[in-house]
N, C-alpha and C. Protein backbone atom coordinates (compact mmCIF):
# COMPACT_ATOMS: atom_id res chain seq x y z
N MET A 1 -0.34 1.12 17.75
CA MET A 1 0.63 0.48 16.87
C MET A 1 1.46 1.54 16.16
N LYS A 2 2.74 1.30 16.03
CA LYS A 2 3.62 2.23 15.33
C LYS A 2 3.71 1.80 13.87
N VAL A 3 3.21 2.64 12.97
CA VAL A 3 3.07 2.29 11.57
C VAL A 3 3.91 3.22 10.71
N VAL A 4 4.73 2.64 9.83
CA VAL A 4 5.49 3.44 8.88
C VAL A 4 4.79 3.39 7.53
N VAL A 5 4.58 4.54 6.94
CA VAL A 5 3.93 4.65 5.64
C VAL A 5 4.99 5.00 4.61
N ILE A 6 5.28 4.04 3.72
CA ILE A 6 6.24 4.26 2.64
C ILE A 6 5.48 4.85 1.46
N GLY A 7 5.89 6.04 1.03
CA GLY A 7 5.14 6.74 -0.01
C GLY A 7 4.09 7.65 0.60
N ALA A 8 4.41 8.23 1.74
CA ALA A 8 3.43 9.00 2.51
C ALA A 8 2.92 10.23 1.79
N ASN A 9 3.72 10.79 0.88
CA ASN A 9 3.28 11.99 0.19
C ASN A 9 2.49 11.70 -1.07
N GLY A 10 2.28 10.43 -1.38
CA GLY A 10 1.43 10.08 -2.51
C GLY A 10 -0.04 10.33 -2.17
N LYS A 11 -0.89 10.16 -3.17
CA LYS A 11 -2.30 10.48 -2.96
C LYS A 11 -2.97 9.53 -1.98
N ILE A 12 -2.62 8.25 -2.03
CA ILE A 12 -3.14 7.31 -1.02
C ILE A 12 -2.41 7.53 0.30
N GLY A 13 -1.11 7.77 0.22
CA GLY A 13 -0.31 7.95 1.42
C GLY A 13 -0.80 9.07 2.31
N ARG A 14 -1.20 10.16 1.72
CA ARG A 14 -1.69 11.29 2.53
C ARG A 14 -2.95 10.91 3.28
N HIS A 15 -3.86 10.21 2.60
CA HIS A 15 -5.06 9.72 3.29
C HIS A 15 -4.68 8.80 4.44
N LEU A 16 -3.70 7.92 4.20
CA LEU A 16 -3.29 6.97 5.22
C LEU A 16 -2.73 7.65 6.46
N VAL A 17 -1.85 8.61 6.26
CA VAL A 17 -1.26 9.32 7.39
C VAL A 17 -2.35 9.94 8.26
N GLN A 18 -3.30 10.58 7.63
CA GLN A 18 -4.37 11.24 8.37
C GLN A 18 -5.27 10.23 9.09
N LEU A 19 -5.67 9.17 8.38
CA LEU A 19 -6.58 8.19 8.98
C LEU A 19 -5.91 7.41 10.11
N LEU A 20 -4.67 7.02 9.92
CA LEU A 20 -3.96 6.30 10.98
C LEU A 20 -3.80 7.16 12.22
N SER A 21 -3.49 8.42 12.00
CA SER A 21 -3.36 9.35 13.12
C SER A 21 -4.68 9.49 13.88
N GLN A 22 -5.77 9.56 13.15
CA GLN A 22 -7.08 9.69 13.77
C GLN A 22 -7.46 8.44 14.56
N ARG A 23 -6.89 7.30 14.20
CA ARG A 23 -7.14 6.05 14.93
C ARG A 23 -6.16 5.88 16.09
N ASP A 24 -5.38 6.90 16.37
CA ASP A 24 -4.43 6.91 17.50
C ASP A 24 -3.25 5.97 17.31
N HIS A 25 -2.93 5.63 16.07
CA HIS A 25 -1.68 4.93 15.81
C HIS A 25 -0.55 5.95 15.79
N GLN A 26 0.66 5.51 16.10
CA GLN A 26 1.83 6.35 15.90
C GLN A 26 2.25 6.22 14.45
N VAL A 27 2.39 7.35 13.78
CA VAL A 27 2.64 7.32 12.33
C VAL A 27 4.01 7.89 12.00
N ARG A 28 4.80 7.08 11.29
CA ARG A 28 6.07 7.56 10.74
C ARG A 28 5.88 7.69 9.23
N ALA A 29 5.93 8.90 8.76
CA ALA A 29 5.72 9.18 7.33
C ALA A 29 7.07 9.21 6.63
N VAL A 30 7.21 8.39 5.59
CA VAL A 30 8.46 8.34 4.83
C VAL A 30 8.27 9.09 3.52
N ILE A 31 9.12 10.09 3.30
CA ILE A 31 9.01 10.96 2.13
C ILE A 31 10.35 11.01 1.40
N ARG A 32 10.34 11.55 0.20
CA ARG A 32 11.57 11.64 -0.60
C ARG A 32 12.23 13.00 -0.50
N ASP A 33 11.47 14.01 -0.07
CA ASP A 33 11.94 15.39 -0.10
C ASP A 33 11.59 16.06 1.22
N ASP A 34 12.58 16.65 1.86
CA ASP A 34 12.36 17.30 3.16
C ASP A 34 11.33 18.42 3.08
N ALA A 35 11.13 18.98 1.90
CA ALA A 35 10.15 20.05 1.75
C ALA A 35 8.72 19.56 1.98
N GLN A 36 8.51 18.23 1.94
CA GLN A 36 7.18 17.66 2.14
C GLN A 36 6.84 17.48 3.62
N LYS A 37 7.81 17.73 4.49
CA LYS A 37 7.64 17.49 5.92
C LYS A 37 6.48 18.28 6.55
N PRO A 38 6.34 19.59 6.28
CA PRO A 38 5.23 20.33 6.91
C PRO A 38 3.86 19.73 6.61
N LYS A 39 3.66 19.24 5.38
CA LYS A 39 2.37 18.65 5.03
C LYS A 39 2.12 17.39 5.84
N MET A 40 3.15 16.58 6.03
CA MET A 40 3.00 15.36 6.82
C MET A 40 2.65 15.66 8.27
N GLU A 41 3.29 16.68 8.81
CA GLU A 41 2.99 17.07 10.19
C GLU A 41 1.57 17.62 10.31
N GLU A 42 1.15 18.35 9.29
CA GLU A 42 -0.22 18.88 9.27
C GLU A 42 -1.24 17.74 9.26
N LEU A 43 -0.91 16.64 8.58
CA LEU A 43 -1.82 15.50 8.49
C LEU A 43 -1.82 14.64 9.74
N GLY A 44 -0.86 14.89 10.63
CA GLY A 44 -0.85 14.17 11.90
C GLY A 44 0.29 13.21 12.12
N ALA A 45 1.30 13.20 11.24
CA ALA A 45 2.44 12.29 11.41
C ALA A 45 3.20 12.62 12.69
N ASP A 46 3.57 11.57 13.42
CA ASP A 46 4.36 11.75 14.63
C ASP A 46 5.84 11.91 14.31
N GLU A 47 6.27 11.23 13.25
CA GLU A 47 7.65 11.32 12.77
C GLU A 47 7.63 11.46 11.26
N VAL A 48 8.62 12.15 10.74
CA VAL A 48 8.78 12.25 9.29
C VAL A 48 10.23 11.90 8.96
N VAL A 49 10.41 10.93 8.07
CA VAL A 49 11.74 10.44 7.72
C VAL A 49 11.93 10.58 6.21
N VAL A 50 13.07 11.07 5.82
CA VAL A 50 13.41 11.16 4.41
C VAL A 50 14.19 9.91 4.01
N ALA A 51 13.73 9.24 2.96
CA ALA A 51 14.41 8.02 2.49
C ALA A 51 14.22 7.90 0.98
N ASP A 52 15.18 7.27 0.34
CA ASP A 52 15.16 7.06 -1.10
C ASP A 52 15.04 5.56 -1.36
N LEU A 53 13.97 5.15 -2.00
CA LEU A 53 13.74 3.73 -2.26
C LEU A 53 14.78 3.13 -3.19
N GLU A 54 15.56 3.97 -3.83
CA GLU A 54 16.62 3.45 -4.70
C GLU A 54 17.91 3.20 -3.92
N LYS A 55 17.85 3.47 -2.58
CA LYS A 55 19.00 3.24 -1.70
C LYS A 55 18.53 2.42 -0.50
N LYS A 56 19.37 2.29 0.52
CA LYS A 56 18.98 1.55 1.71
C LYS A 56 17.93 2.33 2.50
N ILE A 57 16.96 1.61 3.05
CA ILE A 57 15.90 2.30 3.79
C ILE A 57 15.67 1.71 5.18
N ASP A 58 16.66 0.96 5.68
CA ASP A 58 16.49 0.33 6.99
C ASP A 58 16.14 1.33 8.08
N HIS A 59 16.74 2.52 8.01
CA HIS A 59 16.48 3.52 9.04
C HIS A 59 15.02 3.96 9.06
N ALA A 60 14.33 3.77 7.94
CA ALA A 60 12.95 4.22 7.85
C ALA A 60 11.98 3.26 8.52
N VAL A 61 12.34 1.98 8.63
CA VAL A 61 11.41 0.99 9.17
C VAL A 61 11.81 0.47 10.54
N ALA A 62 13.03 0.70 10.97
CA ALA A 62 13.50 0.18 12.25
C ALA A 62 12.62 0.69 13.39
N GLY A 63 12.22 -0.21 14.27
CA GLY A 63 11.46 0.18 15.45
C GLY A 63 9.96 0.28 15.25
N CYS A 64 9.48 -0.08 14.06
CA CYS A 64 8.04 0.02 13.79
C CYS A 64 7.37 -1.35 13.91
N ASP A 65 6.07 -1.33 14.17
CA ASP A 65 5.29 -2.56 14.28
C ASP A 65 4.71 -2.99 12.94
N ALA A 66 4.44 -2.03 12.07
CA ALA A 66 3.80 -2.34 10.80
C ALA A 66 4.32 -1.42 9.70
N ILE A 67 4.33 -1.96 8.49
CA ILE A 67 4.71 -1.20 7.30
C ILE A 67 3.52 -1.17 6.35
N VAL A 68 3.23 0.01 5.80
CA VAL A 68 2.30 0.11 4.68
C VAL A 68 3.10 0.62 3.50
N PHE A 69 3.16 -0.18 2.44
CA PHE A 69 3.89 0.21 1.25
C PHE A 69 2.91 0.71 0.21
N THR A 70 2.91 2.02 -0.01
CA THR A 70 2.02 2.62 -1.00
C THR A 70 2.79 3.50 -1.97
N ALA A 71 4.12 3.28 -2.01
CA ALA A 71 4.94 4.00 -2.98
C ALA A 71 4.72 3.40 -4.36
N GLY A 72 4.87 4.21 -5.38
CA GLY A 72 4.72 3.70 -6.73
C GLY A 72 5.13 4.73 -7.75
N SER A 73 5.67 4.23 -8.84
CA SER A 73 6.05 5.12 -9.93
C SER A 73 4.84 5.56 -10.73
N GLY A 74 3.75 4.79 -10.61
CA GLY A 74 2.55 5.08 -11.39
C GLY A 74 2.55 4.29 -12.68
N SER A 75 1.37 3.94 -13.13
CA SER A 75 1.25 3.11 -14.34
C SER A 75 1.63 3.87 -15.61
N HIS A 76 1.83 5.20 -15.51
CA HIS A 76 2.14 6.00 -16.69
C HIS A 76 3.64 6.09 -16.95
N THR A 77 4.46 5.57 -16.03
CA THR A 77 5.91 5.70 -16.19
C THR A 77 6.47 4.54 -17.01
N GLY A 78 7.72 4.70 -17.44
CA GLY A 78 8.37 3.66 -18.22
C GLY A 78 8.80 2.49 -17.35
N ALA A 79 9.20 1.42 -18.01
CA ALA A 79 9.54 0.19 -17.30
C ALA A 79 10.73 0.37 -16.36
N ASP A 80 11.73 1.16 -16.74
CA ASP A 80 12.92 1.32 -15.91
C ASP A 80 12.57 1.91 -14.55
N LYS A 81 11.81 2.99 -14.54
CA LYS A 81 11.43 3.64 -13.29
C LYS A 81 10.50 2.74 -12.48
N THR A 82 9.62 2.05 -13.15
CA THR A 82 8.71 1.14 -12.46
C THR A 82 9.49 0.06 -11.73
N MET A 83 10.51 -0.50 -12.36
CA MET A 83 11.30 -1.54 -11.73
C MET A 83 12.07 -1.01 -10.53
N LEU A 84 12.55 0.22 -10.61
CA LEU A 84 13.31 0.80 -9.51
C LEU A 84 12.44 1.02 -8.27
N VAL A 85 11.21 1.47 -8.46
CA VAL A 85 10.35 1.81 -7.33
C VAL A 85 9.42 0.67 -6.96
N ASP A 86 8.59 0.24 -7.89
CA ASP A 86 7.55 -0.74 -7.60
C ASP A 86 8.10 -2.14 -7.35
N LEU A 87 9.25 -2.45 -7.92
CA LEU A 87 9.84 -3.76 -7.72
C LEU A 87 11.01 -3.70 -6.74
N ASP A 88 12.10 -3.04 -7.12
CA ASP A 88 13.28 -3.00 -6.26
C ASP A 88 12.99 -2.31 -4.93
N GLY A 89 12.24 -1.21 -4.98
CA GLY A 89 11.91 -0.49 -3.76
C GLY A 89 11.07 -1.34 -2.82
N ALA A 90 10.13 -2.07 -3.39
CA ALA A 90 9.29 -2.97 -2.58
C ALA A 90 10.13 -4.09 -1.99
N PHE A 91 11.03 -4.67 -2.80
CA PHE A 91 11.90 -5.74 -2.30
C PHE A 91 12.73 -5.24 -1.11
N LYS A 92 13.32 -4.05 -1.24
CA LYS A 92 14.14 -3.51 -0.16
C LYS A 92 13.32 -3.29 1.10
N THR A 93 12.09 -2.83 0.93
CA THR A 93 11.24 -2.58 2.09
C THR A 93 10.85 -3.90 2.76
N ILE A 94 10.51 -4.90 1.98
CA ILE A 94 10.17 -6.21 2.53
C ILE A 94 11.37 -6.79 3.29
N ASP A 95 12.53 -6.73 2.67
CA ASP A 95 13.74 -7.27 3.31
C ASP A 95 14.06 -6.53 4.61
N ALA A 96 13.86 -5.22 4.60
CA ALA A 96 14.09 -4.43 5.82
C ALA A 96 13.08 -4.81 6.90
N GLY A 97 11.84 -5.07 6.48
CA GLY A 97 10.82 -5.49 7.43
C GLY A 97 11.20 -6.80 8.11
N VAL A 98 11.71 -7.74 7.32
CA VAL A 98 12.15 -9.02 7.87
C VAL A 98 13.33 -8.81 8.83
N ALA A 99 14.31 -8.03 8.39
CA ALA A 99 15.52 -7.81 9.19
C ALA A 99 15.22 -7.15 10.53
N HIS A 100 14.21 -6.30 10.56
CA HIS A 100 13.90 -5.56 11.78
C HIS A 100 12.71 -6.12 12.55
N GLY A 101 12.25 -7.30 12.19
CA GLY A 101 11.21 -7.96 12.95
C GLY A 101 9.87 -7.26 12.96
N VAL A 102 9.51 -6.64 11.84
CA VAL A 102 8.22 -5.95 11.76
C VAL A 102 7.09 -6.98 11.78
N GLU A 103 6.03 -6.68 12.51
CA GLU A 103 4.95 -7.65 12.70
C GLU A 103 4.01 -7.73 11.50
N ARG A 104 3.70 -6.60 10.88
CA ARG A 104 2.69 -6.55 9.82
C ARG A 104 3.22 -5.81 8.61
N PHE A 105 2.79 -6.25 7.42
CA PHE A 105 3.16 -5.57 6.18
C PHE A 105 1.92 -5.53 5.30
N LEU A 106 1.49 -4.32 4.96
CA LEU A 106 0.34 -4.15 4.08
C LEU A 106 0.80 -3.52 2.78
N MET A 107 0.49 -4.19 1.70
CA MET A 107 0.96 -3.78 0.37
C MET A 107 -0.20 -3.22 -0.45
N VAL A 108 -0.03 -2.02 -0.97
CA VAL A 108 -0.97 -1.49 -1.95
C VAL A 108 -0.46 -1.92 -3.32
N SER A 109 -1.11 -2.91 -3.88
CA SER A 109 -0.72 -3.48 -5.16
C SER A 109 -1.64 -2.94 -6.25
N SER A 110 -2.07 -3.79 -7.16
CA SER A 110 -2.96 -3.37 -8.25
C SER A 110 -3.72 -4.57 -8.77
N MET A 111 -4.97 -4.36 -9.13
CA MET A 111 -5.66 -5.39 -9.89
C MET A 111 -4.83 -5.74 -11.12
N MET A 112 -4.86 -6.98 -11.50
CA MET A 112 -4.11 -7.55 -12.63
C MET A 112 -2.69 -7.92 -12.25
N ALA A 113 -2.24 -7.57 -11.03
CA ALA A 113 -0.89 -7.94 -10.64
C ALA A 113 -0.72 -9.44 -10.56
N ASP A 114 -1.81 -10.15 -10.28
CA ASP A 114 -1.74 -11.61 -10.19
C ASP A 114 -1.99 -12.29 -11.53
N ARG A 115 -2.30 -11.50 -12.55
CA ARG A 115 -2.52 -12.04 -13.90
C ARG A 115 -2.14 -10.98 -14.94
N PRO A 116 -0.88 -10.56 -14.94
CA PRO A 116 -0.45 -9.45 -15.79
C PRO A 116 -0.64 -9.68 -17.28
N GLU A 117 -0.65 -10.94 -17.68
CA GLU A 117 -0.82 -11.25 -19.10
C GLU A 117 -2.19 -10.81 -19.61
N GLN A 118 -3.13 -10.57 -18.70
CA GLN A 118 -4.46 -10.12 -19.10
C GLN A 118 -4.58 -8.59 -19.12
N GLY A 119 -3.53 -7.92 -18.68
CA GLY A 119 -3.56 -6.46 -18.62
C GLY A 119 -3.22 -5.82 -19.95
N THR A 120 -3.49 -4.53 -20.04
CA THR A 120 -3.17 -3.78 -21.24
C THR A 120 -1.67 -3.81 -21.51
N GLU A 121 -1.28 -4.06 -22.73
CA GLU A 121 0.14 -4.21 -23.06
C GLU A 121 0.94 -2.97 -22.69
N ARG A 122 0.34 -1.79 -22.83
CA ARG A 122 1.05 -0.53 -22.57
C ARG A 122 1.56 -0.44 -21.14
N ILE A 123 0.84 -1.01 -20.19
CA ILE A 123 1.26 -0.91 -18.79
C ILE A 123 1.49 -2.30 -18.16
N ARG A 124 1.71 -3.29 -19.02
CA ARG A 124 1.91 -4.64 -18.49
C ARG A 124 3.13 -4.72 -17.58
N HIS A 125 4.16 -3.92 -17.88
CA HIS A 125 5.35 -3.92 -17.03
C HIS A 125 5.01 -3.53 -15.59
N TYR A 126 4.02 -2.65 -15.44
CA TYR A 126 3.59 -2.21 -14.11
C TYR A 126 2.95 -3.37 -13.35
N PHE A 127 2.06 -4.10 -14.01
CA PHE A 127 1.41 -5.24 -13.37
C PHE A 127 2.43 -6.33 -13.02
N VAL A 128 3.41 -6.54 -13.91
CA VAL A 128 4.44 -7.54 -13.65
C VAL A 128 5.25 -7.16 -12.41
N ALA A 129 5.65 -5.89 -12.31
CA ALA A 129 6.43 -5.44 -11.15
C ALA A 129 5.64 -5.59 -9.86
N LYS A 130 4.37 -5.20 -9.90
CA LYS A 130 3.53 -5.33 -8.70
C LYS A 130 3.37 -6.80 -8.32
N GLY A 131 3.17 -7.65 -9.32
CA GLY A 131 2.98 -9.06 -9.04
C GLY A 131 4.20 -9.71 -8.42
N ARG A 132 5.38 -9.36 -8.93
CA ARG A 132 6.61 -9.94 -8.39
C ARG A 132 6.86 -9.45 -6.96
N ALA A 133 6.53 -8.20 -6.69
CA ALA A 133 6.66 -7.68 -5.33
C ALA A 133 5.71 -8.41 -4.38
N ASP A 134 4.50 -8.67 -4.86
CA ASP A 134 3.53 -9.39 -4.03
C ASP A 134 4.02 -10.79 -3.72
N GLU A 135 4.61 -11.46 -4.71
CA GLU A 135 5.15 -12.80 -4.50
C GLU A 135 6.27 -12.78 -3.46
N ARG A 136 7.12 -11.77 -3.56
CA ARG A 136 8.23 -11.65 -2.60
C ARG A 136 7.67 -11.49 -1.18
N LEU A 137 6.62 -10.71 -1.04
CA LEU A 137 6.02 -10.49 0.27
C LEU A 137 5.40 -11.79 0.81
N ARG A 138 4.69 -12.52 -0.04
CA ARG A 138 4.08 -13.78 0.41
C ARG A 138 5.15 -14.77 0.89
N ASP A 139 6.31 -14.75 0.24
CA ASP A 139 7.37 -15.71 0.56
C ASP A 139 8.25 -15.25 1.72
N SER A 140 8.02 -14.04 2.22
CA SER A 140 8.92 -13.43 3.20
C SER A 140 8.74 -13.96 4.62
N GLY A 141 7.58 -14.54 4.90
CA GLY A 141 7.29 -14.96 6.27
C GLY A 141 6.61 -13.88 7.09
N LEU A 142 6.51 -12.67 6.54
CA LEU A 142 5.83 -11.58 7.24
C LEU A 142 4.31 -11.81 7.24
N ASN A 143 3.64 -11.26 8.23
CA ASN A 143 2.18 -11.31 8.30
C ASN A 143 1.65 -10.21 7.38
N TYR A 144 1.30 -10.61 6.16
CA TYR A 144 1.00 -9.63 5.12
C TYR A 144 -0.50 -9.52 4.85
N THR A 145 -0.86 -8.41 4.23
CA THR A 145 -2.14 -8.24 3.54
C THR A 145 -1.83 -7.51 2.24
N ILE A 146 -2.29 -8.05 1.13
CA ILE A 146 -2.06 -7.44 -0.17
C ILE A 146 -3.40 -6.96 -0.71
N VAL A 147 -3.51 -5.67 -0.92
CA VAL A 147 -4.75 -5.06 -1.42
C VAL A 147 -4.51 -4.65 -2.87
N ARG A 148 -5.36 -5.16 -3.76
CA ARG A 148 -5.20 -4.88 -5.19
C ARG A 148 -6.36 -4.02 -5.68
N PRO A 149 -6.23 -2.70 -5.59
CA PRO A 149 -7.33 -1.83 -6.05
C PRO A 149 -7.39 -1.75 -7.57
N GLY A 150 -8.55 -1.38 -8.05
CA GLY A 150 -8.73 -1.13 -9.47
C GLY A 150 -8.22 0.26 -9.83
N ARG A 151 -8.80 0.84 -10.87
CA ARG A 151 -8.39 2.16 -11.33
C ARG A 151 -8.68 3.18 -10.23
N LEU A 152 -7.67 3.96 -9.86
CA LEU A 152 -7.79 4.89 -8.75
C LEU A 152 -8.37 6.22 -9.20
N THR A 153 -9.26 6.77 -8.37
CA THR A 153 -9.85 8.07 -8.65
C THR A 153 -9.67 8.98 -7.43
N ASP A 154 -9.91 10.26 -7.64
CA ASP A 154 -9.85 11.23 -6.54
C ASP A 154 -11.24 11.62 -6.06
N GLU A 155 -12.22 10.79 -6.36
CA GLU A 155 -13.57 11.03 -5.86
C GLU A 155 -13.60 10.96 -4.34
N PRO A 156 -14.58 11.62 -3.70
CA PRO A 156 -14.69 11.51 -2.24
C PRO A 156 -14.92 10.07 -1.81
N ALA A 157 -14.52 9.76 -0.60
CA ALA A 157 -14.71 8.40 -0.07
C ALA A 157 -16.20 8.07 -0.02
N LYS A 158 -16.52 6.85 -0.41
CA LYS A 158 -17.90 6.37 -0.33
C LYS A 158 -18.11 5.51 0.90
N GLY A 159 -17.05 4.87 1.36
CA GLY A 159 -17.15 4.03 2.53
C GLY A 159 -17.71 2.65 2.26
N THR A 160 -18.03 2.36 1.00
CA THR A 160 -18.57 1.05 0.62
C THR A 160 -17.73 0.48 -0.51
N VAL A 161 -17.48 -0.81 -0.45
CA VAL A 161 -16.55 -1.44 -1.40
C VAL A 161 -17.07 -2.80 -1.84
N SER A 162 -16.37 -3.35 -2.81
CA SER A 162 -16.56 -4.73 -3.24
C SER A 162 -15.22 -5.43 -3.13
N ILE A 163 -15.16 -6.47 -2.32
CA ILE A 163 -13.92 -7.20 -2.09
C ILE A 163 -14.09 -8.64 -2.55
N GLN A 164 -13.19 -9.07 -3.42
CA GLN A 164 -13.16 -10.46 -3.88
C GLN A 164 -11.71 -10.87 -4.08
N GLU A 165 -11.45 -12.15 -4.01
CA GLU A 165 -10.08 -12.60 -4.28
C GLU A 165 -9.69 -12.24 -5.71
N ASN A 166 -10.64 -12.32 -6.62
CA ASN A 166 -10.40 -11.90 -8.01
C ASN A 166 -11.70 -11.38 -8.61
N HIS A 167 -11.73 -10.11 -8.95
CA HIS A 167 -12.86 -9.57 -9.69
C HIS A 167 -12.69 -9.93 -11.17
N GLU A 168 -13.77 -10.28 -11.79
CA GLU A 168 -13.68 -10.67 -13.20
C GLU A 168 -13.45 -9.47 -14.11
N THR A 169 -14.00 -8.32 -13.75
CA THR A 169 -13.85 -7.13 -14.59
C THR A 169 -13.16 -6.01 -13.83
N PHE A 170 -12.41 -5.21 -14.56
CA PHE A 170 -11.70 -4.08 -13.98
C PHE A 170 -12.71 -2.98 -13.63
N GLY A 171 -12.42 -2.21 -12.60
CA GLY A 171 -13.32 -1.13 -12.20
C GLY A 171 -12.55 -0.04 -11.49
N GLU A 172 -13.26 0.82 -10.77
CA GLU A 172 -12.66 1.98 -10.12
C GLU A 172 -12.88 1.95 -8.62
N ILE A 173 -12.09 2.76 -7.93
CA ILE A 173 -12.29 2.98 -6.51
C ILE A 173 -11.57 4.26 -6.10
N PRO A 174 -12.19 5.10 -5.25
CA PRO A 174 -11.50 6.30 -4.77
C PRO A 174 -10.29 5.94 -3.92
N ARG A 175 -9.25 6.72 -4.05
CA ARG A 175 -8.06 6.50 -3.24
C ARG A 175 -8.38 6.56 -1.75
N ALA A 176 -9.31 7.42 -1.38
CA ALA A 176 -9.69 7.55 0.03
C ALA A 176 -10.25 6.24 0.57
N ASP A 177 -10.97 5.49 -0.25
CA ASP A 177 -11.52 4.21 0.19
C ASP A 177 -10.45 3.13 0.24
N VAL A 178 -9.45 3.22 -0.62
CA VAL A 178 -8.32 2.29 -0.54
C VAL A 178 -7.60 2.49 0.80
N ALA A 179 -7.34 3.74 1.15
CA ALA A 179 -6.68 4.04 2.41
C ALA A 179 -7.50 3.55 3.60
N ALA A 180 -8.79 3.79 3.56
CA ALA A 180 -9.66 3.36 4.66
C ALA A 180 -9.66 1.83 4.79
N THR A 181 -9.61 1.12 3.67
CA THR A 181 -9.57 -0.34 3.70
C THR A 181 -8.26 -0.83 4.31
N ILE A 182 -7.16 -0.17 3.96
CA ILE A 182 -5.86 -0.53 4.53
C ILE A 182 -5.87 -0.34 6.04
N VAL A 183 -6.36 0.79 6.49
CA VAL A 183 -6.39 1.07 7.93
C VAL A 183 -7.27 0.05 8.66
N GLU A 184 -8.40 -0.29 8.07
CA GLU A 184 -9.30 -1.26 8.68
C GLU A 184 -8.66 -2.65 8.70
N SER A 185 -7.84 -2.94 7.69
CA SER A 185 -7.20 -4.26 7.58
C SER A 185 -6.05 -4.44 8.56
N LEU A 186 -5.49 -3.35 9.03
CA LEU A 186 -4.26 -3.38 9.81
C LEU A 186 -4.32 -4.39 10.95
N GLN A 187 -5.41 -4.37 11.71
CA GLN A 187 -5.54 -5.26 12.86
C GLN A 187 -6.70 -6.24 12.72
N SER A 188 -7.15 -6.42 11.49
CA SER A 188 -8.23 -7.37 11.23
C SER A 188 -7.63 -8.74 10.91
N GLU A 189 -7.80 -9.70 11.81
CA GLU A 189 -7.21 -11.02 11.63
C GLU A 189 -7.73 -11.71 10.38
N ASN A 190 -8.92 -11.31 9.95
CA ASN A 190 -9.50 -11.90 8.76
C ASN A 190 -8.69 -11.61 7.50
N THR A 191 -7.85 -10.56 7.55
CA THR A 191 -7.05 -10.17 6.39
C THR A 191 -5.62 -10.69 6.47
N TYR A 192 -5.27 -11.33 7.55
CA TYR A 192 -3.89 -11.80 7.71
C TYR A 192 -3.55 -12.84 6.64
N ARG A 193 -2.42 -12.62 5.99
CA ARG A 193 -1.93 -13.52 4.93
C ARG A 193 -2.99 -13.74 3.84
N ARG A 194 -3.62 -12.65 3.46
CA ARG A 194 -4.64 -12.70 2.41
C ARG A 194 -4.34 -11.64 1.36
N SER A 195 -4.80 -11.91 0.13
CA SER A 195 -4.70 -10.97 -0.98
C SER A 195 -6.09 -10.84 -1.58
N PHE A 196 -6.45 -9.62 -2.00
CA PHE A 196 -7.78 -9.44 -2.57
C PHE A 196 -7.84 -8.23 -3.48
N ASP A 197 -8.76 -8.29 -4.46
CA ASP A 197 -9.07 -7.16 -5.32
C ASP A 197 -10.05 -6.24 -4.60
N LEU A 198 -9.97 -4.96 -4.92
CA LEU A 198 -10.79 -3.96 -4.23
C LEU A 198 -11.38 -2.97 -5.22
N LEU A 199 -12.70 -2.88 -5.26
CA LEU A 199 -13.41 -1.93 -6.10
C LEU A 199 -14.49 -1.24 -5.29
N THR A 200 -15.03 -0.16 -5.84
CA THR A 200 -16.19 0.46 -5.23
C THR A 200 -17.35 -0.54 -5.26
N GLY A 201 -18.13 -0.56 -4.19
CA GLY A 201 -19.25 -1.47 -4.11
C GLY A 201 -20.33 -0.93 -3.19
N ASP A 202 -21.13 -1.84 -2.65
CA ASP A 202 -22.28 -1.44 -1.83
C ASP A 202 -22.16 -1.87 -0.37
N VAL A 203 -21.05 -2.50 0.00
CA VAL A 203 -20.91 -3.04 1.35
C VAL A 203 -19.94 -2.18 2.16
N PRO A 204 -20.30 -1.77 3.37
CA PRO A 204 -19.38 -1.01 4.21
C PRO A 204 -18.05 -1.76 4.36
N ILE A 205 -16.97 -1.01 4.40
CA ILE A 205 -15.63 -1.60 4.39
C ILE A 205 -15.44 -2.66 5.47
N GLU A 206 -15.81 -2.35 6.69
CA GLU A 206 -15.61 -3.29 7.78
C GLU A 206 -16.38 -4.60 7.54
N GLU A 207 -17.57 -4.48 7.03
CA GLU A 207 -18.38 -5.67 6.75
C GLU A 207 -17.81 -6.46 5.57
N ALA A 208 -17.33 -5.75 4.56
CA ALA A 208 -16.77 -6.42 3.39
C ALA A 208 -15.55 -7.25 3.76
N LEU A 209 -14.72 -6.73 4.65
CA LEU A 209 -13.51 -7.45 5.05
C LEU A 209 -13.86 -8.73 5.80
N LYS A 210 -14.99 -8.77 6.46
CA LYS A 210 -15.40 -9.96 7.20
C LYS A 210 -15.78 -11.11 6.28
N THR A 211 -15.99 -10.82 5.00
CA THR A 211 -16.39 -11.87 4.07
C THR A 211 -15.18 -12.66 3.53
N LEU A 212 -13.97 -12.19 3.80
CA LEU A 212 -12.78 -12.88 3.29
C LEU A 212 -12.62 -14.26 3.93
């Protein structure tokens, strides 16, 4: 499968490029700065494309079978930047996916995106942006999977997770395990048109996805 990774130079994105390549998918890594190209090639990307989410990005997704959107301004940024990347950038990517007949769209969202009013006021704008992007994806007609991880860490991958449609309490998960869950979900029919929260747990990723 030919997969485009939007936000490939991010911390989850780098894991994704490497894991997808190891699974023998064709990987198109989308970056913001040409200086990031050598790292993408080192990780196994077959193509590297420079694109700005604040502009048109059709050239970045044309000809691909699947999109993974893992770009983000981060929960520490202000509302203006969050809206430009996490909301407008996601909308543009979804619309481009529809226009170019992409088969699959996997969204890296966030816990609380489906209930932003319960999130911390300081970063509520982030949850709102993620939630609206998720809604746009559900309404797009694309074969989507929305993964809502908890607080992201740089701990080594554990390979075991907890997957529920809604976790009652917020928790953590290594970015490496988020990437592994996305890759496993790519061709898992059990995840088609599904949304779920993702935290560290005790169940191997492949087995956890079967419980959806």
